[in-house]
Amino acid sequence: MGPEIKNCLPPVRDTRKPKLVLPPGSIDTHVHVFERRYRLSPGRGYNPPESTLTDLKKLHATLGIDRVVFTQPSVYGTDNSAILDGMAALNAETPNRARCVIAIDMSISEAELARLDATGARGVRLNTDNKGGMPIALSDIADLASKIAPFGWHIEFLFPGKDILDLLPVFDRLRIPMSIGHFAYQPATAGVDAPGFKALLDLMRRGNTWMKISGANRVSATDLPPYDDVKPMAQALVEAAPDRIMWGTDWPHPNKYVVNPNDGDLVDAFADWIADETLRRRIMVETPAKFYRF
């Protein structure tokens, strides 16, 4: 028998209304949905909590978020049904309300990519932190980039923070846009002068990388608000590339086993990091709207 697959925590259901009023058109660039009717990959790294589209809509109504980008979680492998169905449902209610980033294998056809692009897919996720059923290897990236470049898609990376220095040659060779989630998993305790974070800043300054300042709880020392130790990282990233910063909740915060954040606290942490209203609107509305072609 293989190792036991653990059940991760559910999200905090009683979302606190944040003190910050987000700008109209705000976009949450990183969410998942988990519903029992979708088959989990046998190679998954965790059992997700039931977190439905109805739950997500309630969350966003409380936070003041109008639009969303679904990101394929590793536990579904290349079966994107949950996020494609969620995106379609939201877009049927309100046109241009949702986009998604999917997982694929290298056998996907040009016709299928075109069909997915028409529905609102905008990129491919590569998760080396928790691979689950995601099959594309780093050696496939050049071919993958050639395959998706005609559609204006990007590659979204999630990787263990310690791997960033080893991955730099891969990123240097990439000729299509890329995004990275959750502060590239650089630990806040290491500080902004740590080699990994300095490498991340250099990457951001080169102009081909977009950063999601999401998952503050995942990189903070305490896993709990007010996430003061994350603030210097957020501000350094914004200073390095103010036009390529986006934000997301990471709801329902999968693969966590001790404590989960209240998403209202995450919004107010963002308010603390970014005081300027114009810059807040750029991060929450303008940059993601352009990047995901809303």
C-alpha atoms as a PDB file:
ATOM      1  CA  MET A   1       0.000   0.000   0.000  1.00  0.00           C
ATOM      2  CA  GLY A   2       1.063   3.572  -0.663  1.00  0.00           C
ATOM      3  CA  PRO A   3       1.216   6.321   1.936  1.00  0.00           C
ATOM      4  CA  GLU A   4      -2.046   7.448   3.459  1.00  0.00           C
ATOM      5  CA  ILE A   5      -3.640  10.429   1.732  1.00  0.00           C
ATOM      6  CA  LYS A   6      -4.462  12.974   4.428  1.00  0.00           C
ATOM      7  CA  ASN A   7      -7.614  15.044   4.727  1.00  0.00           C
ATOM      8  CA  CYS A   8      -6.763  18.737   4.755  1.00  0.00           C
ATOM      9  CA  LEU A   9      -8.608  21.409   6.684  1.00  0.00           C
ATOM     10  CA  PRO A  10     -11.777  23.015   5.389  1.00  0.00           C
ATOM     11  CA  PRO A  11     -11.737  26.771   4.815  1.00  0.00           C
ATOM     12  CA  VAL A  12     -13.010  29.139   7.484  1.00  0.00           C
ATOM     13  CA  ARG A  13     -16.710  29.300   6.637  1.00  0.00           C
ATOM     14  CA  ASP A  14     -17.533  32.448   8.618  1.00  0.00           C
ATOM     15  CA  THR A  15     -15.642  34.922   6.454  1.00  0.00           C
ATOM     16  CA  ARG A  16     -15.049  38.257   8.149  1.00  0.00           C
ATOM     17  CA  LYS A  17     -16.005  41.315   6.117  1.00  0.00           C
ATOM     18  CA  PRO A  18     -12.743  43.186   5.550  1.00  0.00           C
ATOM     19  CA  LYS A  19     -12.190  46.770   6.596  1.00  0.00           C
ATOM     20  CA  LEU A  20     -10.896  47.566   3.117  1.00  0.00           C
ATOM     21  CA  VAL A  21     -13.495  48.244   0.437  1.00  0.00           C
ATOM     22  CA  LEU A  22     -11.991  46.745  -2.702  1.00  0.00           C
ATOM     23  CA  PRO A  23     -12.218  48.701  -5.975  1.00  0.00           C
ATOM     24  CA  PRO A  24     -15.058  47.799  -8.372  1.00  0.00           C
ATOM     25  CA  GLY A  25     -14.103  45.024 -10.762  1.00  0.00           C
ATOM     26  CA  SER A  26     -11.622  43.422  -8.346  1.00  0.00           C
ATOM     27  CA  ILE A  27     -10.314  40.024  -9.444  1.00  0.00           C
ATOM     28  CA  ASP A  28      -9.362  37.108  -7.208  1.00  0.00           C
ATOM     29  CA  THR A  29      -6.692  35.435  -9.347  1.00  0.00           C
ATOM     30  CA  HIS A  30      -6.313  32.190  -7.418  1.00  0.00           C
ATOM     31  CA  VAL A  31      -9.169  29.948  -6.286  1.00  0.00           C
ATOM     32  CA  HIS A  32     -10.153  26.302  -6.525  1.00  0.00           C
ATOM     33  CA  VAL A  33     -13.441  24.475  -6.190  1.00  0.00           C
ATOM     34  CA  PHE A  34     -13.808  20.960  -4.814  1.00  0.00           C
ATOM     35  CA  GLU A  35     -17.051  19.051  -5.145  1.00  0.00           C
ATOM     36  CA  ARG A  36     -17.679  15.363  -4.545  1.00  0.00           C
ATOM     37  CA  ARG A  37     -19.122  14.814  -8.006  1.00  0.00           C
ATOM     38  CA  TYR A  38     -15.677  15.292  -9.578  1.00  0.00           C
ATOM     39  CA  ARG A  39     -13.267  12.359  -9.528  1.00  0.00           C
ATOM     40  CA  LEU A  40     -10.006  12.866  -7.655  1.00  0.00           C
ATOM     41  CA  SER A  41      -6.698  11.734  -9.141  1.00  0.00           C
ATOM     42  CA  PRO A  42      -5.351   8.546  -7.547  1.00  0.00           C
ATOM     43  CA  GLY A  43      -1.916  10.208  -7.504  1.00  0.00           C
ATOM     44  CA  ARG A  44      -3.088  13.177  -5.433  1.00  0.00           C
ATOM     45  CA  GLY A  45      -1.186  14.440  -2.427  1.00  0.00           C
ATOM     46  CA  TYR A  46      -4.184  15.284  -0.217  1.00  0.00           C
ATOM     47  CA  ASN A  47      -7.941  14.944   0.118  1.00  0.00           C
ATOM     48  CA  PRO A  48      -9.520  18.375  -0.394  1.00  0.00           C
ATOM     49  CA  PRO A  49     -12.379  19.831   1.628  1.00  0.00           C
ATOM     50  CA  GLU A  50     -15.810  20.164   0.023  1.00  0.00           C
ATOM     51  CA  SER A  51     -15.721  23.749  -1.255  1.00  0.00           C
ATOM     52  CA  THR A  52     -18.433  24.473  -3.777  1.00  0.00           C
ATOM     53  CA  LEU A  53     -19.161  27.177  -6.298  1.00  0.00           C
ATOM     54  CA  THR A  54     -21.963  28.373  -4.025  1.00  0.00           C
ATOM     55  CA  ASP A  55     -19.443  28.689  -1.181  1.00  0.00           C
ATOM     56  CA  LEU A  56     -17.120  30.663  -3.439  1.00  0.00           C
ATOM     57  CA  LYS A  57     -19.850  33.080  -4.507  1.00  0.00           C
ATOM     58  CA  LYS A  58     -20.718  33.706  -0.863  1.00  0.00           C
ATOM     59  CA  LEU A  59     -17.053  34.349  -0.064  1.00  0.00           C
ATOM     60  CA  HIS A  60     -16.644  36.856  -2.870  1.00  0.00           C
ATOM     61  CA  ALA A  61     -19.863  38.657  -1.995  1.00  0.00           C
ATOM     62  CA  THR A  62     -18.511  39.147   1.539  1.00  0.00           C
ATOM     63  CA  LEU A  63     -15.077  40.291   0.370  1.00  0.00           C
ATOM     64  CA  GLY A  64     -16.343  42.577  -2.402  1.00  0.00           C
ATOM     65  CA  ILE A  65     -14.740  40.671  -5.276  1.00  0.00           C
ATOM     66  CA  ASP A  66     -16.433  40.773  -8.687  1.00  0.00           C
ATOM     67  CA  ARG A  67     -14.363  38.475 -10.909  1.00  0.00           C
ATOM     68  CA  VAL A  68     -12.285  35.344 -10.504  1.00  0.00           C
ATOM     69  CA  VAL A  69      -9.578  33.144 -12.012  1.00  0.00           C
ATOM     70  CA  PHE A  70      -9.928  29.432 -11.262  1.00  0.00           C
ATOM     71  CA  THR A  71      -6.596  27.615 -10.955  1.00  0.00           C
ATOM     72  CA  GLN A  72      -6.461  23.868 -11.530  1.00  0.00           C
ATOM     73  CA  PRO A  73      -5.560  22.056  -8.291  1.00  0.00           C
ATOM     74  CA  SER A  74      -3.220  19.089  -8.430  1.00  0.00           C
ATOM     75  CA  VAL A  75      -5.780  16.664  -6.957  1.00  0.00           C
ATOM     76  CA  TYR A  76      -7.771  16.615 -10.208  1.00  0.00           C
ATOM     77  CA  GLY A  77      -4.774  16.003 -12.438  1.00  0.00           C
ATOM     78  CA  THR A  78      -5.599  16.978 -16.011  1.00  0.00           C
ATOM     79  CA  ASP A  79      -9.351  16.643 -15.524  1.00  0.00           C
ATOM     80  CA  ASN A  80     -10.299  20.310 -15.508  1.00  0.00           C
ATOM     81  CA  SER A  81     -14.035  19.679 -15.255  1.00  0.00           C
ATOM     82  CA  ALA A  82     -14.539  21.330 -11.860  1.00  0.00           C
ATOM     83  CA  ILE A  83     -12.990  24.657 -12.822  1.00  0.00           C
ATOM     84  CA  LEU A  84     -14.345  24.646 -16.388  1.00  0.00           C
ATOM     85  CA  ASP A  85     -17.863  24.027 -15.088  1.00  0.00           C
ATOM     86  CA  GLY A  86     -17.436  26.699 -12.415  1.00  0.00           C
ATOM     87  CA  MET A  87     -16.136  29.210 -14.948  1.00  0.00           C
ATOM     88  CA  ALA A  88     -18.951  28.458 -17.382  1.00  0.00           C
ATOM     89  CA  ALA A  89     -21.582  28.826 -14.666  1.00  0.00           C
ATOM     90  CA  LEU A  90     -20.286  32.218 -13.522  1.00  0.00           C
ATOM     91  CA  ASN A  91     -19.912  33.510 -17.078  1.00  0.00           C
ATOM     92  CA  ALA A  92     -23.465  32.416 -17.845  1.00  0.00           C
ATOM     93  CA  GLU A  93     -24.662  34.492 -14.879  1.00  0.00           C
ATOM     94  CA  THR A  94     -22.443  37.494 -15.640  1.00  0.00           C
ATOM     95  CA  PRO A  95     -20.444  37.700 -18.891  1.00  0.00           C
ATOM     96  CA  ASN A  96     -16.669  37.974 -18.445  1.00  0.00           C
ATOM     97  CA  ARG A  97     -16.844  37.140 -14.760  1.00  0.00           C
ATOM     98  CA  ALA A  98     -14.423  34.195 -14.766  1.00  0.00           C
ATOM     99  CA  ARG A  99     -11.278  32.820 -16.394  1.00  0.00           C
ATOM    100  CA  CYS A 100      -9.138  29.764 -15.627  1.00  0.00           C
ATOM    101  CA  VAL A 101      -5.665  28.219 -15.715  1.00  0.00           C
ATOM    102  CA  ILE A 102      -5.745  24.523 -16.542  1.00  0.00           C
ATOM    103  CA  ALA A 103      -3.569  21.401 -16.461  1.00  0.00           C
ATOM    104  CA  ILE A 104      -2.940  19.444 -19.653  1.00  0.00           C
ATOM    105  CA  ASP A 105      -0.715  16.737 -21.032  1.00  0.00           C
ATOM    106  CA  MET A 106       1.412  17.100 -24.144  1.00  0.00           C
ATOM    107  CA  SER A 107      -0.988  15.127 -26.333  1.00  0.00           C
ATOM    108  CA  ILE A 108      -3.567  17.937 -26.354  1.00  0.00           C
ATOM    109  CA  SER A 109      -4.532  19.062 -29.855  1.00  0.00           C
ATOM    110  CA  GLU A 110      -4.504  22.553 -31.304  1.00  0.00           C
ATOM    111  CA  ALA A 111      -8.257  22.297 -31.818  1.00  0.00           C
ATOM    112  CA  GLU A 112      -8.807  21.487 -28.142  1.00  0.00           C
ATOM    113  CA  LEU A 113      -6.599  24.381 -27.071  1.00  0.00           C
ATOM    114  CA  ALA A 114      -8.627  26.681 -29.326  1.00  0.00           C
ATOM    115  CA  ARG A 115     -11.864  25.403 -27.799  1.00  0.00           C
ATOM    116  CA  LEU A 116     -10.557  25.947 -24.270  1.00  0.00           C
ATOM    117  CA  ASP A 117      -9.320  29.431 -25.155  1.00  0.00           C
ATOM    118  CA  ALA A 118     -12.784  30.332 -26.404  1.00  0.00           C
ATOM    119  CA  THR A 119     -14.307  29.272 -23.082  1.00  0.00           C
ATOM    120  CA  GLY A 120     -11.876  31.411 -21.043  1.00  0.00           C
ATOM    121  CA  ALA A 121      -8.778  29.288 -20.381  1.00  0.00           C
ATOM    122  CA  ARG A 122      -5.676  31.460 -20.393  1.00  0.00           C
ATOM    123  CA  GLY A 123      -2.731  29.331 -19.302  1.00  0.00           C
ATOM    124  CA  VAL A 124      -1.300  26.033 -18.106  1.00  0.00           C
ATOM    125  CA  ARG A 125      -0.347  25.304 -14.536  1.00  0.00           C
ATOM    126  CA  LEU A 126       2.797  23.342 -13.635  1.00  0.00           C
ATOM    127  CA  ASN A 127       2.882  22.342  -9.987  1.00  0.00           C
ATOM    128  CA  THR A 128       6.115  20.717  -8.872  1.00  0.00           C
ATOM    129  CA  ASP A 129       5.324  21.284  -5.198  1.00  0.00           C
ATOM    130  CA  ASN A 130       2.423  18.825  -5.192  1.00  0.00           C
ATOM    131  CA  LYS A 131       2.362  17.135  -8.572  1.00  0.00           C
ATOM    132  CA  GLY A 132      -0.683  14.959  -8.029  1.00  0.00           C
ATOM    133  CA  GLY A 133      -1.779  13.933 -11.500  1.00  0.00           C
ATOM    134  CA  MET A 134      -0.047  16.744 -13.387  1.00  0.00           C
ATOM    135  CA  PRO A 135       2.199  14.995 -15.902  1.00  0.00           C
ATOM    136  CA  ILE A 136       4.239  17.664 -17.700  1.00  0.00           C
ATOM    137  CA  ALA A 137       7.950  17.578 -16.864  1.00  0.00           C
ATOM    138  CA  LEU A 138      10.375  20.482 -16.887  1.00  0.00           C
ATOM    139  CA  SER A 139      11.956  18.931 -19.978  1.00  0.00           C
ATOM    140  CA  ASP A 140       8.642  19.455 -21.800  1.00  0.00           C
ATOM    141  CA  ILE A 141       8.449  23.188 -21.151  1.00  0.00           C
ATOM    142  CA  ALA A 142       9.947  24.364 -24.445  1.00  0.00           C
ATOM    143  CA  ASP A 143       7.514  22.206 -26.413  1.00  0.00           C
ATOM    144  CA  LEU A 144       4.647  23.262 -24.179  1.00  0.00           C
ATOM    145  CA  ALA A 145       5.467  26.922 -24.712  1.00  0.00           C
ATOM    146  CA  SER A 146       5.499  26.454 -28.490  1.00  0.00           C
ATOM    147  CA  LYS A 147       2.147  24.692 -28.308  1.00  0.00           C
ATOM    148  CA  ILE A 148       0.329  27.374 -26.304  1.00  0.00           C
ATOM    149  CA  ALA A 149       2.092  30.512 -27.595  1.00  0.00           C
ATOM    150  CA  PRO A 150      -0.288  30.994 -30.560  1.00  0.00           C
ATOM    151  CA  PHE A 151      -3.148  31.460 -28.100  1.00  0.00           C
ATOM    152  CA  GLY A 152      -1.379  34.091 -26.001  1.00  0.00           C
ATOM    153  CA  TRP A 153      -1.331  31.748 -23.013  1.00  0.00           C
ATOM    154  CA  HIS A 154       1.142  31.720 -20.141  1.00  0.00           C
ATOM    155  CA  ILE A 155       2.623  29.056 -17.860  1.00  0.00           C
ATOM    156  CA  GLU A 156       1.883  29.312 -14.152  1.00  0.00           C
ATOM    157  CA  PHE A 157       4.491  27.779 -11.847  1.00  0.00           C
ATOM    158  CA  LEU A 158       4.222  26.573  -8.282  1.00  0.00           C
ATOM    159  CA  PHE A 159       7.340  25.032  -6.791  1.00  0.00           C
ATOM    160  CA  PRO A 160       9.062  24.538  -3.427  1.00  0.00           C
ATOM    161  CA  GLY A 161      10.749  27.781  -2.468  1.00  0.00           C
ATOM    162  CA  LYS A 162      14.154  26.130  -2.157  1.00  0.00           C
ATOM    163  CA  ASP A 163      14.050  25.199  -5.867  1.00  0.00           C
ATOM    164  CA  ILE A 164      14.043  28.726  -7.277  1.00  0.00           C
ATOM    165  CA  LEU A 165      17.786  28.946  -7.907  1.00  0.00           C
ATOM    166  CA  ASP A 166      17.817  25.621  -9.748  1.00  0.00           C
ATOM    167  CA  LEU A 167      14.821  26.681 -11.857  1.00  0.00           C
ATOM    168  CA  LEU A 168      16.288  29.988 -13.030  1.00  0.00           C
ATOM    169  CA  PRO A 169      17.811  28.459 -16.221  1.00  0.00           C
ATOM    170  CA  VAL A 170      14.362  27.075 -17.098  1.00  0.00           C
ATOM    171  CA  PHE A 171      12.773  30.488 -16.596  1.00  0.00           C
ATOM    172  CA  ASP A 172      15.539  32.224 -18.563  1.00  0.00           C
ATOM    173  CA  ARG A 173      14.786  30.093 -21.632  1.00  0.00           C
ATOM    174  CA  LEU A 174      11.046  30.726 -21.535  1.00  0.00           C
ATOM    175  CA  ARG A 175       9.785  32.980 -24.320  1.00  0.00           C
ATOM    176  CA  ILE A 176       6.146  33.227 -23.286  1.00  0.00           C
ATOM    177  CA  PRO A 177       4.772  34.965 -20.174  1.00  0.00           C
ATOM    178  CA  MET A 178       4.914  33.143 -16.863  1.00  0.00           C
ATOM    179  CA  SER A 179       3.245  33.651 -13.514  1.00  0.00           C
ATOM    180  CA  ILE A 180       4.195  32.424 -10.058  1.00  0.00           C
ATOM    181  CA  GLY A 181       1.863  31.966  -7.117  1.00  0.00           C
ATOM    182  CA  HIS A 182       2.236  32.431  -3.367  1.00  0.00           C
ATOM    183  CA  PHE A 183       5.379  34.577  -3.275  1.00  0.00           C
ATOM    184  CA  ALA A 184       7.216  31.688  -4.966  1.00  0.00           C
ATOM    185  CA  TYR A 185       7.073  30.031  -1.532  1.00  0.00           C
ATOM    186  CA  GLN A 186       9.924  32.197  -0.289  1.00  0.00           C
ATOM    187  CA  PRO A 187       9.761  32.075   3.539  1.00  0.00           C
ATOM    188  CA  ALA A 188       9.162  35.441   5.158  1.00  0.00           C
ATOM    189  CA  THR A 189      11.507  34.517   7.991  1.00  0.00           C
ATOM    190  CA  ALA A 190      14.419  34.444   5.534  1.00  0.00           C
ATOM    191  CA  GLY A 191      13.867  38.113   4.681  1.00  0.00           C
ATOM    192  CA  VAL A 192      14.182  40.117   1.492  1.00  0.00           C
ATOM    193  CA  ASP A 193      17.964  39.692   1.354  1.00  0.00           C
ATOM    194  CA  ALA A 194      17.828  35.903   1.171  1.00  0.00           C
ATOM    195  CA  PRO A 195      19.330  34.456  -2.035  1.00  0.00           C
ATOM    196  CA  GLY A 196      16.015  32.918  -3.116  1.00  0.00           C
ATOM    197  CA  PHE A 197      14.060  36.136  -2.724  1.00  0.00           C
ATOM    198  CA  LYS A 198      16.767  38.233  -4.385  1.00  0.00           C
ATOM    199  CA  ALA A 199      16.658  35.815  -7.323  1.00  0.00           C
ATOM    200  CA  LEU A 200      12.894  36.277  -7.440  1.00  0.00           C
ATOM    201  CA  LEU A 201      13.258  40.065  -7.553  1.00  0.00           C
ATOM    202  CA  ASP A 202      15.764  39.766 -10.410  1.00  0.00           C
ATOM    203  CA  LEU A 203      13.312  37.539 -12.252  1.00  0.00           C
ATOM    204  CA  MET A 204      10.528  40.066 -11.768  1.00  0.00           C
ATOM    205  CA  ARG A 205      12.649  42.919 -13.089  1.00  0.00           C
ATOM    206  CA  ARG A 206      13.325  41.094 -16.362  1.00  0.00           C
ATOM    207  CA  GLY A 207       9.789  41.726 -17.547  1.00  0.00           C
ATOM    208  CA  ASN A 208       8.358  38.296 -18.385  1.00  0.00           C
ATOM    209  CA  THR A 209       7.060  37.262 -14.959  1.00  0.00           C
ATOM    210  CA  TRP A 210       3.804  38.079 -13.183  1.00  0.00           C
ATOM    211  CA  MET A 211       3.556  37.459  -9.444  1.00  0.00           C
ATOM    212  CA  LYS A 212       0.506  36.580  -7.370  1.00  0.00           C
ATOM    213  CA  ILE A 213       0.966  38.018  -3.893  1.00  0.00           C
ATOM    214  CA  SER A 214      -1.309  35.260  -2.636  1.00  0.00           C
ATOM    215  CA  GLY A 215      -0.877  32.699   0.110  1.00  0.00           C
ATOM    216  CA  ALA A 216       0.522  35.054   2.747  1.00  0.00           C
ATOM    217  CA  ASN A 217      -0.387  32.461   5.363  1.00  0.00           C
ATOM    218  CA  ARG A 218       1.760  29.895   3.561  1.00  0.00           C
ATOM    219  CA  VAL A 219       4.952  31.945   3.759  1.00  0.00           C
ATOM    220  CA  SER A 220       4.445  33.757   7.086  1.00  0.00           C
ATOM    221  CA  ALA A 221       6.160  32.438  10.198  1.00  0.00           C
ATOM    222  CA  THR A 222       2.948  32.220  12.191  1.00  0.00           C
ATOM    223  CA  ASP A 223       0.373  31.168   9.564  1.00  0.00           C
ATOM    224  CA  LEU A 224      -1.913  33.766  11.178  1.00  0.00           C
ATOM    225  CA  PRO A 225      -2.638  37.500  10.788  1.00  0.00           C
ATOM    226  CA  PRO A 226      -1.500  40.205  10.627  1.00  0.00           C
ATOM    227  CA  TYR A 227       1.214  38.743   8.327  1.00  0.00           C
ATOM    228  CA  ASP A 228       3.568  41.614   9.139  1.00  0.00           C
ATOM    229  CA  ASP A 229       6.572  39.532   8.163  1.00  0.00           C
ATOM    230  CA  VAL A 230       5.209  39.179   4.621  1.00  0.00           C
ATOM    231  CA  LYS A 231       4.831  42.950   4.135  1.00  0.00           C
ATOM    232  CA  PRO A 232       8.486  43.638   3.191  1.00  0.00           C
ATOM    233  CA  MET A 233       8.339  40.916   0.533  1.00  0.00           C
ATOM    234  CA  ALA A 234       5.075  42.228  -0.924  1.00  0.00           C
ATOM    235  CA  GLN A 235       6.379  45.777  -1.067  1.00  0.00           C
ATOM    236  CA  ALA A 236       9.711  44.729  -2.591  1.00  0.00           C
ATOM    237  CA  LEU A 237       7.913  42.790  -5.337  1.00  0.00           C
ATOM    238  CA  VAL A 238       5.611  45.711  -6.076  1.00  0.00           C
ATOM    239  CA  GLU A 239       8.590  48.067  -6.254  1.00  0.00           C
ATOM    240  CA  ALA A 240      10.382  45.695  -8.643  1.00  0.00           C
ATOM    241  CA  ALA A 241       7.455  45.259 -11.038  1.00  0.00           C
ATOM    242  CA  PRO A 242       4.390  47.352 -10.177  1.00  0.00           C
ATOM    243  CA  ASP A 243       2.629  46.486 -13.438  1.00  0.00           C
ATOM    244  CA  ARG A 244       2.985  42.715 -13.022  1.00  0.00           C
ATOM    245  CA  ILE A 245       1.614  42.114  -9.537  1.00  0.00           C
ATOM    246  CA  MET A 246      -1.744  40.408  -8.908  1.00  0.00           C
ATOM    247  CA  TRP A 247      -3.576  39.183  -5.825  1.00  0.00           C
ATOM    248  CA  GLY A 248      -5.562  36.095  -4.892  1.00  0.00           C
ATOM    249  CA  THR A 249      -7.138  34.436  -1.890  1.00  0.00           C
ATOM    250  CA  ASP A 250      -5.963  30.873  -2.609  1.00  0.00           C
ATOM    251  CA  TRP A 251      -9.411  29.826  -1.307  1.00  0.00           C
ATOM    252  CA  PRO A 252     -10.182  27.248   0.064  1.00  0.00           C
ATOM    253  CA  HIS A 253      -6.515  27.036   1.099  1.00  0.00           C
ATOM    254  CA  PRO A 254      -5.927  23.337   0.364  1.00  0.00           C
ATOM    255  CA  ASN A 255      -3.104  21.181   1.675  1.00  0.00           C
ATOM    256  CA  LYS A 256      -3.215  22.819   5.112  1.00  0.00           C
ATOM    257  CA  TYR A 257      -3.551  20.751   8.282  1.00  0.00           C
ATOM    258  CA  VAL A 258      -3.117  22.981  11.352  1.00  0.00           C
ATOM    259  CA  VAL A 259      -4.886  26.278  10.746  1.00  0.00           C
ATOM    260  CA  ASN A 260      -6.511  28.122   7.845  1.00  0.00           C
ATOM    261  CA  PRO A 261      -6.838  31.874   7.387  1.00  0.00           C
ATOM    262  CA  ASN A 262      -9.954  33.984   7.440  1.00  0.00           C
ATOM    263  CA  ASP A 263     -10.055  35.538   3.989  1.00  0.00           C
ATOM    264  CA  GLY A 264     -11.144  38.874   5.429  1.00  0.00           C
ATOM    265  CA  ASP A 265      -7.777  39.020   7.197  1.00  0.00           C
ATOM    266  CA  LEU A 266      -6.000  38.370   3.901  1.00  0.00           C
ATOM    267  CA  VAL A 267      -7.773  41.315   2.264  1.00  0.00           C
ATOM    268  CA  ASP A 268      -6.844  43.592   5.139  1.00  0.00           C
ATOM    269  CA  ALA A 269      -3.242  42.400   4.999  1.00  0.00           C
ATOM    270  CA  PHE A 270      -3.219  43.501   1.352  1.00  0.00           C
ATOM    271  CA  ALA A 271      -4.582  46.878   2.469  1.00  0.00           C
ATOM    272  CA  ASP A 272      -1.701  47.181   4.927  1.00  0.00           C
ATOM    273  CA  TRP A 273       0.891  46.256   2.317  1.00  0.00           C
ATOM    274  CA  ILE A 274      -0.448  48.605  -0.364  1.00  0.00           C
ATOM    275  CA  ALA A 275      -1.663  51.981   0.908  1.00  0.00           C
ATOM    276  CA  ASP A 276      -1.948  53.790  -2.423  1.00  0.00           C
ATOM    277  CA  GLU A 277      -5.440  53.569  -3.952  1.00  0.00           C
ATOM    278  CA  THR A 278      -4.196  53.818  -7.536  1.00  0.00           C
ATOM    279  CA  LEU A 279      -1.749  50.985  -6.988  1.00  0.00           C
ATOM    280  CA  ARG A 280      -4.417  48.873  -5.294  1.00  0.00           C
ATOM    281  CA  ARG A 281      -6.642  49.261  -8.332  1.00  0.00           C
ATOM    282  CA  ARG A 282      -3.780  48.358 -10.648  1.00  0.00           C
ATOM    283  CA  ILE A 283      -3.084  45.137  -8.708  1.00  0.00           C
ATOM    284  CA  MET A 284      -6.686  44.125  -8.061  1.00  0.00           C
ATOM    285  CA  VAL A 285      -8.301  45.184 -11.344  1.00  0.00           C
ATOM    286  CA  GLU A 286      -6.184  46.470 -14.198  1.00  0.00           C
ATOM    287  CA  THR A 287      -3.230  44.066 -14.299  1.00  0.00           C
ATOM    288  CA  PRO A 288      -5.204  40.817 -13.959  1.00  0.00           C
ATOM    289  CA  ALA A 289      -7.895  42.035 -16.371  1.00  0.00           C
ATOM    290  CA  LYS A 290      -5.222  42.518 -19.015  1.00  0.00           C
ATOM    291  CA  PHE A 291      -3.220  39.394 -18.183  1.00  0.00           C
ATOM    292  CA  TYR A 292      -6.217  37.022 -18.250  1.00  0.00           C
ATOM    293  CA  ARG A 293      -8.019  38.926 -21.045  1.00  0.00           C
ATOM    294  CA  PHE A 294     -11.267  39.631 -19.254  1.00  0.00           C
END
